[in-house]
């Protein structure tokens, strides 16, 4: 028995040396087995398209939500006034303002150049005008020609319809003055006709308005020319 003891010791040592190796192999096999199930979830990326499908389904909702905004755009543009119409209205307003300003400037100019205490205005009017066709008029104030006017057919027609023409606007000092007007045209039977009218008037501190009137005298069958003074 003692003779075989060395052999037994050698076997024991061999067994002791072999046991760690077996244990290491077992431990290596277990992680490999444990890692094998972990590999099964590898196909999980195949399920990734499922979340991606949610944005795809939501996309129509988003586009549908934007549809009302697009539909409202025409309503907003329809309610807004056209740009051309707005500009045209502004241009018309500016034109009316310019006309009013021009009229005010003319009135102011007359007041400055022809104050009331020295202002004299001469007008020509025509009543019926069947006996006389006006061609021209010449006006003298204190032996000085202040106005001479040649009429067109359209202007004569305007006088026949009741128009009044201002032929002269000027200044005269206070005191007595003499006005002489000469009318030239066609009289009865288409004959050349020239007549004159004279008046003396007193210029005061107020503006003086004088109307030269052409009238038909049916009793005399000829035109008449007279002068009317307006205060």
C-alpha atoms as a PDB file:
ATOM      1  CA  UNK A   1       0.000   0.000   0.000  1.00  0.00           C
ATOM      2  CA  UNK A   2       2.826   2.350   0.801  1.00  0.00           C
ATOM      3  CA  UNK A   3       4.410   1.187  -2.413  1.00  0.00           C
ATOM      4  CA  UNK A   4       1.492   2.522  -4.372  1.00  0.00           C
ATOM      5  CA  UNK A   5       1.218   5.795  -2.509  1.00  0.00           C
ATOM      6  CA  UNK A   6       3.367   7.744  -4.951  1.00  0.00           C
ATOM      7  CA  UNK A   7       1.122   6.737  -7.760  1.00  0.00           C
ATOM      8  CA  UNK A   8      -1.885   7.837  -5.828  1.00  0.00           C
ATOM      9  CA  UNK A   9      -0.271  11.185  -5.138  1.00  0.00           C
ATOM     10  CA  UNK A  10       0.531  11.579  -8.838  1.00  0.00           C
ATOM     11  CA  UNK A  11      -3.059  10.800  -9.794  1.00  0.00           C
ATOM     12  CA  UNK A  12      -4.335  13.236  -7.258  1.00  0.00           C
ATOM     13  CA  UNK A  13      -2.078  15.907  -8.665  1.00  0.00           C
ATOM     14  CA  UNK A  14      -3.239  15.162 -12.192  1.00  0.00           C
ATOM     15  CA  UNK A  15      -6.852  15.363 -11.104  1.00  0.00           C
ATOM     16  CA  UNK A  16      -6.182  18.626  -9.313  1.00  0.00           C
ATOM     17  CA  UNK A  17      -4.567  20.018 -12.463  1.00  0.00           C
ATOM     18  CA  UNK A  18      -7.366  18.824 -14.717  1.00  0.00           C
ATOM     19  CA  UNK A  19     -10.181  20.252 -12.546  1.00  0.00           C
ATOM     20  CA  UNK A  20      -9.441  23.973 -13.260  1.00  0.00           C
ATOM     21  CA  UNK A  21      -9.265  23.277 -16.962  1.00  0.00           C
ATOM     22  CA  UNK A  22     -12.667  21.567 -16.865  1.00  0.00           C
ATOM     23  CA  UNK A  23     -14.049  24.406 -14.845  1.00  0.00           C
ATOM     24  CA  UNK A  24     -12.698  26.932 -17.317  1.00  0.00           C
ATOM     25  CA  UNK A  25     -14.221  25.054 -20.228  1.00  0.00           C
ATOM     26  CA  UNK A  26     -17.557  24.946 -18.410  1.00  0.00           C
ATOM     27  CA  UNK A  27     -17.383  28.690 -17.691  1.00  0.00           C
ATOM     28  CA  UNK A  28     -16.535  29.367 -21.336  1.00  0.00           C
ATOM     29  CA  UNK A  29     -19.450  27.263 -22.524  1.00  0.00           C
ATOM     30  CA  UNK A  30     -21.905  29.052 -20.249  1.00  0.00           C
ATOM     31  CA  UNK A  31     -21.112  32.562 -21.557  1.00  0.00           C
ATOM     32  CA  UNK A  32     -21.373  31.231 -25.076  1.00  0.00           C
ATOM     33  CA  UNK A  33     -24.748  29.732 -24.240  1.00  0.00           C
ATOM     34  CA  UNK A  34     -25.762  32.933 -22.517  1.00  0.00           C
ATOM     35  CA  UNK A  35     -24.677  34.998 -25.509  1.00  0.00           C
ATOM     36  CA  UNK A  36     -26.634  32.824 -27.889  1.00  0.00           C
ATOM     37  CA  UNK A  37     -30.048  34.063 -26.681  1.00  0.00           C
ATOM     38  CA  UNK A  38     -28.749  37.636 -26.799  1.00  0.00           C
ATOM     39  CA  UNK A  39     -28.156  37.192 -30.510  1.00  0.00           C
ATOM     40  CA  UNK A  40     -31.812  36.373 -31.111  1.00  0.00           C
ATOM     41  CA  UNK A  41     -32.963  39.970 -30.636  1.00  0.00           C
ATOM     42  CA  UNK A  42     -30.699  40.938 -33.553  1.00  0.00           C
ATOM     43  CA  UNK A  43     -33.695  40.924 -35.928  1.00  0.00           C
ATOM     44  CA  UNK A  44     -35.158  43.799 -33.803  1.00  0.00           C
ATOM     45  CA  UNK A  45     -34.058  46.432 -36.367  1.00  0.00           C
ATOM     46  CA  UNK A  46     -36.586  44.868 -38.728  1.00  0.00           C
ATOM     47  CA  UNK A  47     -39.296  46.337 -36.465  1.00  0.00           C
ATOM     48  CA  UNK A  48     -37.823  49.853 -36.864  1.00  0.00           C
ATOM     49  CA  UNK A  49     -40.110  50.640 -39.832  1.00  0.00           C
ATOM     50  CA  UNK A  50     -43.102  50.537 -37.460  1.00  0.00           C
ATOM     51  CA  UNK A  51     -42.220  53.873 -35.776  1.00  0.00           C
ATOM     52  CA  UNK A  52     -41.418  55.317 -39.212  1.00  0.00           C
ATOM     53  CA  UNK A  53     -44.958  54.512 -40.318  1.00  0.00           C
ATOM     54  CA  UNK A  54     -46.357  56.969 -37.735  1.00  0.00           C
ATOM     55  CA  UNK A  55     -44.921  60.124 -39.431  1.00  0.00           C
ATOM     56  CA  UNK A  56     -46.135  58.794 -42.766  1.00  0.00           C
ATOM     57  CA  UNK A  57     -49.659  58.505 -41.413  1.00  0.00           C
ATOM     58  CA  UNK A  58     -49.398  61.918 -39.744  1.00  0.00           C
ATOM     59  CA  UNK A  59     -48.237  63.586 -42.941  1.00  0.00           C
ATOM     60  CA  UNK A  60     -51.748  63.733 -44.470  1.00  0.00           C
ATOM     61  CA  UNK A  61     -53.027  65.230 -41.238  1.00  0.00           C
ATOM     62  CA  UNK A  62     -50.412  67.928 -41.428  1.00  0.00           C
ATOM     63  CA  UNK A  63     -51.197  68.646 -45.059  1.00  0.00           C
ATOM     64  CA  UNK A  64     -54.903  68.593 -44.247  1.00  0.00           C
ATOM     65  CA  UNK A  65     -54.309  71.083 -41.428  1.00  0.00           C
ATOM     66  CA  UNK A  66     -52.569  73.460 -43.808  1.00  0.00           C
ATOM     67  CA  UNK A  67     -55.479  73.299 -46.295  1.00  0.00           C
ATOM     68  CA  UNK A  68     -57.648  75.854 -44.395  1.00  0.00           C
ATOM     69  CA  UNK A  69     -54.750  78.305 -44.381  1.00  0.00           C
ATOM     70  CA  UNK A  70     -54.488  78.008 -48.145  1.00  0.00           C
ATOM     71  CA  UNK A  71     -58.251  78.397 -48.504  1.00  0.00           C
ATOM     72  CA  UNK A  72     -58.212  81.590 -46.385  1.00  0.00           C
ATOM     73  CA  UNK A  73     -55.585  83.253 -48.575  1.00  0.00           C
ATOM     74  CA  UNK A  74     -57.963  84.052 -51.471  1.00  0.00           C
ATOM     75  CA  UNK A  75     -60.536  85.484 -49.041  1.00  0.00           C
ATOM     76  CA  UNK A  76     -57.955  87.843 -47.594  1.00  0.00           C
ATOM     77  CA  UNK A  77     -56.771  88.982 -51.025  1.00  0.00           C
ATOM     78  CA  UNK A  78     -60.349  89.427 -52.222  1.00  0.00           C
ATOM     79  CA  UNK A  79     -61.222  91.688 -49.260  1.00  0.00           C
ATOM     80  CA  UNK A  80     -58.174  93.909 -49.838  1.00  0.00           C
ATOM     81  CA  UNK A  81     -58.749  96.810 -52.326  1.00  0.00           C
ATOM     82  CA  UNK A  82     -56.854  96.543 -55.615  1.00  0.00           C
ATOM     83  CA  UNK A  83     -53.595  98.466 -55.688  1.00  0.00           C
ATOM     84  CA  UNK A  84     -54.443 100.178 -58.980  1.00  0.00           C
ATOM     85  CA  UNK A  85     -57.769 101.445 -57.621  1.00  0.00           C
ATOM     86  CA  UNK A  86     -56.060 102.798 -54.514  1.00  0.00           C
ATOM     87  CA  UNK A  87     -53.434 104.627 -56.562  1.00  0.00           C
ATOM     88  CA  UNK A  88     -56.090 106.047 -58.900  1.00  0.00           C
ATOM     89  CA  UNK A  89     -58.046 107.365 -55.930  1.00  0.00           C
ATOM     90  CA  UNK A  90     -54.954 109.018 -54.505  1.00  0.00           C
ATOM     91  CA  UNK A  91     -54.154 110.609 -57.853  1.00  0.00           C
ATOM     92  CA  UNK A  92     -57.693 112.013 -58.099  1.00  0.00           C
ATOM     93  CA  UNK A  93     -57.423 113.402 -54.567  1.00  0.00           C
ATOM     94  CA  UNK A  94     -54.130 115.066 -55.405  1.00  0.00           C
ATOM     95  CA  UNK A  95     -55.613 116.569 -58.592  1.00  0.00           C
ATOM     96  CA  UNK A  96     -58.584 118.016 -56.692  1.00  0.00           C
ATOM     97  CA  UNK A  97     -56.239 119.441 -54.053  1.00  0.00           C
ATOM     98  CA  UNK A  98     -54.097 121.047 -56.773  1.00  0.00           C
ATOM     99  CA  UNK A  99     -57.180 122.596 -58.420  1.00  0.00           C
ATOM    100  CA  UNK A 100     -58.367 124.025 -55.106  1.00  0.00           C
ATOM    101  CA  UNK A 101     -54.903 125.342 -54.341  1.00  0.00           C
ATOM    102  CA  UNK A 102     -54.648 126.945 -57.788  1.00  0.00           C
ATOM    103  CA  UNK A 103     -58.032 128.630 -57.329  1.00  0.00           C
ATOM    104  CA  UNK A 104     -57.031 129.955 -53.903  1.00  0.00           C
ATOM    105  CA  UNK A 105     -53.763 131.266 -55.331  1.00  0.00           C
ATOM    106  CA  UNK A 106     -55.606 133.076 -58.142  1.00  0.00           C
ATOM    107  CA  UNK A 107     -57.964 134.717 -55.652  1.00  0.00           C
ATOM    108  CA  UNK A 108     -55.043 135.727 -53.469  1.00  0.00           C
ATOM    109  CA  UNK A 109     -53.172 137.097 -56.481  1.00  0.00           C
ATOM    110  CA  UNK A 110     -56.166 139.212 -57.498  1.00  0.00           C
ATOM    111  CA  UNK A 111     -56.523 140.532 -53.969  1.00  0.00           C
ATOM    112  CA  UNK A 112     -52.857 141.476 -53.868  1.00  0.00           C
ATOM    113  CA  UNK A 113     -52.589 142.929 -57.385  1.00  0.00           C
ATOM    114  CA  UNK A 114     -56.063 144.472 -57.528  1.00  0.00           C
ATOM    115  CA  UNK A 115     -57.188 145.583 -54.066  1.00  0.00           C
ATOM    116  CA  UNK A 116     -60.839 146.504 -53.647  1.00  0.00           C
ATOM    117  CA  UNK A 117     -60.179 150.230 -53.232  1.00  0.00           C
ATOM    118  CA  UNK A 118     -58.703 150.438 -56.775  1.00  0.00           C
ATOM    119  CA  UNK A 119     -60.200 147.375 -58.565  1.00  0.00           C
ATOM    120  CA  UNK A 120     -62.287 147.740 -61.739  1.00  0.00           C
ATOM    121  CA  UNK A 121     -63.591 144.763 -63.758  1.00  0.00           C
ATOM    122  CA  UNK A 122     -65.243 144.921 -67.212  1.00  0.00           C
ATOM    123  CA  UNK A 123     -67.603 142.224 -68.521  1.00  0.00           C
ATOM    124  CA  UNK A 124     -69.322 141.535 -71.871  1.00  0.00           C
ATOM    125  CA  UNK A 125     -72.728 139.848 -72.202  1.00  0.00           C
ATOM    126  CA  UNK A 126     -75.181 139.306 -75.072  1.00  0.00           C
ATOM    127  CA  UNK A 127     -78.974 138.990 -75.029  1.00  0.00           C
ATOM    128  CA  UNK A 128     -80.438 136.918 -77.903  1.00  0.00           C
ATOM    129  CA  UNK A 129     -77.991 138.293 -80.498  1.00  0.00           C
ATOM    130  CA  UNK A 130     -80.147 137.703 -83.573  1.00  0.00           C
ATOM    131  CA  UNK A 131     -79.630 141.229 -84.832  1.00  0.00           C
ATOM    132  CA  UNK A 132     -75.888 141.286 -84.321  1.00  0.00           C
ATOM    133  CA  UNK A 133     -73.086 138.782 -84.759  1.00  0.00           C
ATOM    134  CA  UNK A 134     -70.197 139.897 -82.549  1.00  0.00           C
ATOM    135  CA  UNK A 135     -66.734 139.851 -84.050  1.00  0.00           C
ATOM    136  CA  UNK A 136     -64.550 141.996 -81.758  1.00  0.00           C
ATOM    137  CA  UNK A 137     -64.655 144.533 -78.952  1.00  0.00           C
ATOM    138  CA  UNK A 138     -62.302 147.376 -77.976  1.00  0.00           C
ATOM    139  CA  UNK A 139     -62.429 149.221 -74.664  1.00  0.00           C
ATOM    140  CA  UNK A 140     -60.909 152.554 -73.677  1.00  0.00           C
ATOM    141  CA  UNK A 141     -60.618 153.993 -70.212  1.00  0.00           C
ATOM    142  CA  UNK A 142     -59.772 157.689 -70.015  1.00  0.00           C
ATOM    143  CA  UNK A 143     -58.728 157.680 -73.702  1.00  0.00           C
ATOM    144  CA  UNK A 144     -56.409 154.710 -73.172  1.00  0.00           C
ATOM    145  CA  UNK A 145     -57.024 151.301 -74.758  1.00  0.00           C
ATOM    146  CA  UNK A 146     -57.135 148.748 -71.959  1.00  0.00           C
ATOM    147  CA  UNK A 147     -58.661 145.754 -73.780  1.00  0.00           C
ATOM    148  CA  UNK A 148     -59.168 144.443 -77.323  1.00  0.00           C
ATOM    149  CA  UNK A 149     -60.611 140.988 -77.957  1.00  0.00           C
ATOM    150  CA  UNK A 150     -61.394 138.984 -81.129  1.00  0.00           C
ATOM    151  CA  UNK A 151     -64.119 136.346 -80.691  1.00  0.00           C
ATOM    152  CA  UNK A 152     -64.398 132.876 -82.150  1.00  0.00           C
ATOM    153  CA  UNK A 153     -67.750 131.346 -83.246  1.00  0.00           C
ATOM    154  CA  UNK A 154     -67.763 129.066 -80.195  1.00  0.00           C
ATOM    155  CA  UNK A 155     -67.262 132.015 -77.846  1.00  0.00           C
ATOM    156  CA  UNK A 156     -70.112 133.906 -79.525  1.00  0.00           C
ATOM    157  CA  UNK A 157     -72.348 130.853 -79.075  1.00  0.00           C
ATOM    158  CA  UNK A 158     -71.422 130.753 -75.392  1.00  0.00           C
ATOM    159  CA  UNK A 159     -72.470 134.409 -75.051  1.00  0.00           C
ATOM    160  CA  UNK A 160     -75.779 133.624 -76.802  1.00  0.00           C
ATOM    161  CA  UNK A 161     -76.432 130.897 -74.223  1.00  0.00           C
ATOM    162  CA  UNK A 162     -76.096 133.427 -71.388  1.00  0.00           C
ATOM    163  CA  UNK A 163     -72.359 133.385 -70.785  1.00  0.00           C
ATOM    164  CA  UNK A 164     -70.553 136.427 -69.378  1.00  0.00           C
ATOM    165  CA  UNK A 165     -66.928 137.174 -70.259  1.00  0.00           C
ATOM    166  CA  UNK A 166     -64.537 139.219 -68.184  1.00  0.00           C
ATOM    167  CA  UNK A 167     -62.506 141.197 -70.713  1.00  0.00           C
ATOM    168  CA  UNK A 168     -60.448 143.325 -68.338  1.00  0.00           C
ATOM    169  CA  UNK A 169     -59.415 143.583 -64.709  1.00  0.00           C
ATOM    170  CA  UNK A 170     -57.300 146.492 -63.499  1.00  0.00           C
ATOM    171  CA  UNK A 171     -56.792 149.336 -61.064  1.00  0.00           C
ATOM    172  CA  UNK A 172     -58.161 152.863 -61.153  1.00  0.00           C
ATOM    173  CA  UNK A 173     -57.675 155.598 -58.652  1.00  0.00           C
ATOM    174  CA  UNK A 174     -60.691 157.091 -56.935  1.00  0.00           C
ATOM    175  CA  UNK A 175     -62.488 159.814 -58.851  1.00  0.00           C
ATOM    176  CA  UNK A 176     -64.381 160.257 -62.109  1.00  0.00           C
ATOM    177  CA  UNK A 177     -63.529 158.175 -65.189  1.00  0.00           C
ATOM    178  CA  UNK A 178     -64.867 157.704 -68.715  1.00  0.00           C
ATOM    179  CA  UNK A 179     -65.326 154.373 -70.483  1.00  0.00           C
ATOM    180  CA  UNK A 180     -65.810 153.958 -74.250  1.00  0.00           C
ATOM    181  CA  UNK A 181     -66.512 150.535 -75.831  1.00  0.00           C
ATOM    182  CA  UNK A 182     -66.521 149.778 -79.580  1.00  0.00           C
ATOM    183  CA  UNK A 183     -68.323 146.682 -80.928  1.00  0.00           C
ATOM    184  CA  UNK A 184     -67.617 145.340 -84.409  1.00  0.00           C
ATOM    185  CA  UNK A 185     -69.474 142.581 -86.229  1.00  0.00           C
ATOM    186  CA  UNK A 186     -72.275 141.746 -88.660  1.00  0.00           C
ATOM    187  CA  UNK A 187     -75.582 143.578 -88.384  1.00  0.00           C
ATOM    188  CA  UNK A 188     -78.947 143.153 -90.125  1.00  0.00           C
ATOM    189  CA  UNK A 189     -78.809 141.952 -93.724  1.00  0.00           C
ATOM    190  CA  UNK A 190     -75.248 140.694 -93.085  1.00  0.00           C
ATOM    191  CA  UNK A 191     -73.754 144.194 -93.237  1.00  0.00           C
ATOM    192  CA  UNK A 192     -70.638 145.287 -91.393  1.00  0.00           C
ATOM    193  CA  UNK A 193     -71.663 146.921 -88.190  1.00  0.00           C
ATOM    194  CA  UNK A 194     -69.681 149.041 -85.726  1.00  0.00           C
ATOM    195  CA  UNK A 195     -71.207 150.805 -82.765  1.00  0.00           C
ATOM    196  CA  UNK A 196     -69.951 152.375 -79.590  1.00  0.00           C
ATOM    197  CA  UNK A 197     -71.181 152.944 -76.042  1.00  0.00           C
ATOM    198  CA  UNK A 198     -69.931 155.584 -73.596  1.00  0.00           C
ATOM    199  CA  UNK A 199     -70.409 155.975 -69.852  1.00  0.00           C
ATOM    200  CA  UNK A 200     -68.913 158.111 -67.104  1.00  0.00           C
ATOM    201  CA  UNK A 201     -68.655 156.667 -63.616  1.00  0.00           C
ATOM    202  CA  UNK A 202     -67.300 157.530 -60.204  1.00  0.00           C
ATOM    203  CA  UNK A 203     -64.703 155.239 -58.669  1.00  0.00           C
ATOM    204  CA  UNK A 204     -64.951 155.058 -54.901  1.00  0.00           C
ATOM    205  CA  UNK A 205     -63.187 152.948 -52.279  1.00  0.00           C
ATOM    206  CA  UNK A 206     -65.120 149.814 -53.241  1.00  0.00           C
ATOM    207  CA  UNK A 207     -64.513 147.519 -56.213  1.00  0.00           C
ATOM    208  CA  UNK A 208     -66.324 148.577 -59.376  1.00  0.00           C
ATOM    209  CA  UNK A 209     -67.925 146.100 -61.842  1.00  0.00           C
ATOM    210  CA  UNK A 210     -69.104 147.276 -65.292  1.00  0.00           C
ATOM    211  CA  UNK A 211     -71.137 145.174 -67.726  1.00  0.00           C
ATOM    212  CA  UNK A 212     -71.185 145.911 -71.473  1.00  0.00           C
ATOM    213  CA  UNK A 213     -74.461 144.513 -72.798  1.00  0.00           C
ATOM    214  CA  UNK A 214     -75.517 143.756 -76.387  1.00  0.00           C
ATOM    215  CA  UNK A 215     -79.279 143.522 -76.866  1.00  0.00           C
ATOM    216  CA  UNK A 216     -81.679 143.214 -79.775  1.00  0.00           C
ATOM    217  CA  UNK A 217     -84.228 145.986 -80.259  1.00  0.00           C
ATOM    218  CA  UNK A 218     -87.167 144.348 -82.010  1.00  0.00           C
ATOM    219  CA  UNK A 219     -88.886 147.723 -82.428  1.00  0.00           C
ATOM    220  CA  UNK A 220     -85.931 149.262 -84.233  1.00  0.00           C
ATOM    221  CA  UNK A 221     -84.835 145.972 -85.819  1.00  0.00           C
ATOM    222  CA  UNK A 222     -81.242 146.656 -84.866  1.00  0.00           C
ATOM    223  CA  UNK A 223     -78.888 145.882 -81.983  1.00  0.00           C
ATOM    224  CA  UNK A 224     -78.466 148.110 -78.960  1.00  0.00           C
ATOM    225  CA  UNK A 225     -75.383 148.582 -76.827  1.00  0.00           C
ATOM    226  CA  UNK A 226     -75.470 149.893 -73.286  1.00  0.00           C
ATOM    227  CA  UNK A 227     -73.414 149.887 -70.117  1.00  0.00           C
ATOM    228  CA  UNK A 228     -74.538 148.782 -66.683  1.00  0.00           C
ATOM    229  CA  UNK A 229     -72.678 149.663 -63.474  1.00  0.00           C
ATOM    230  CA  UNK A 230     -72.555 147.138 -60.607  1.00  0.00           C
ATOM    231  CA  UNK A 231     -71.366 147.920 -57.112  1.00  0.00           C
END
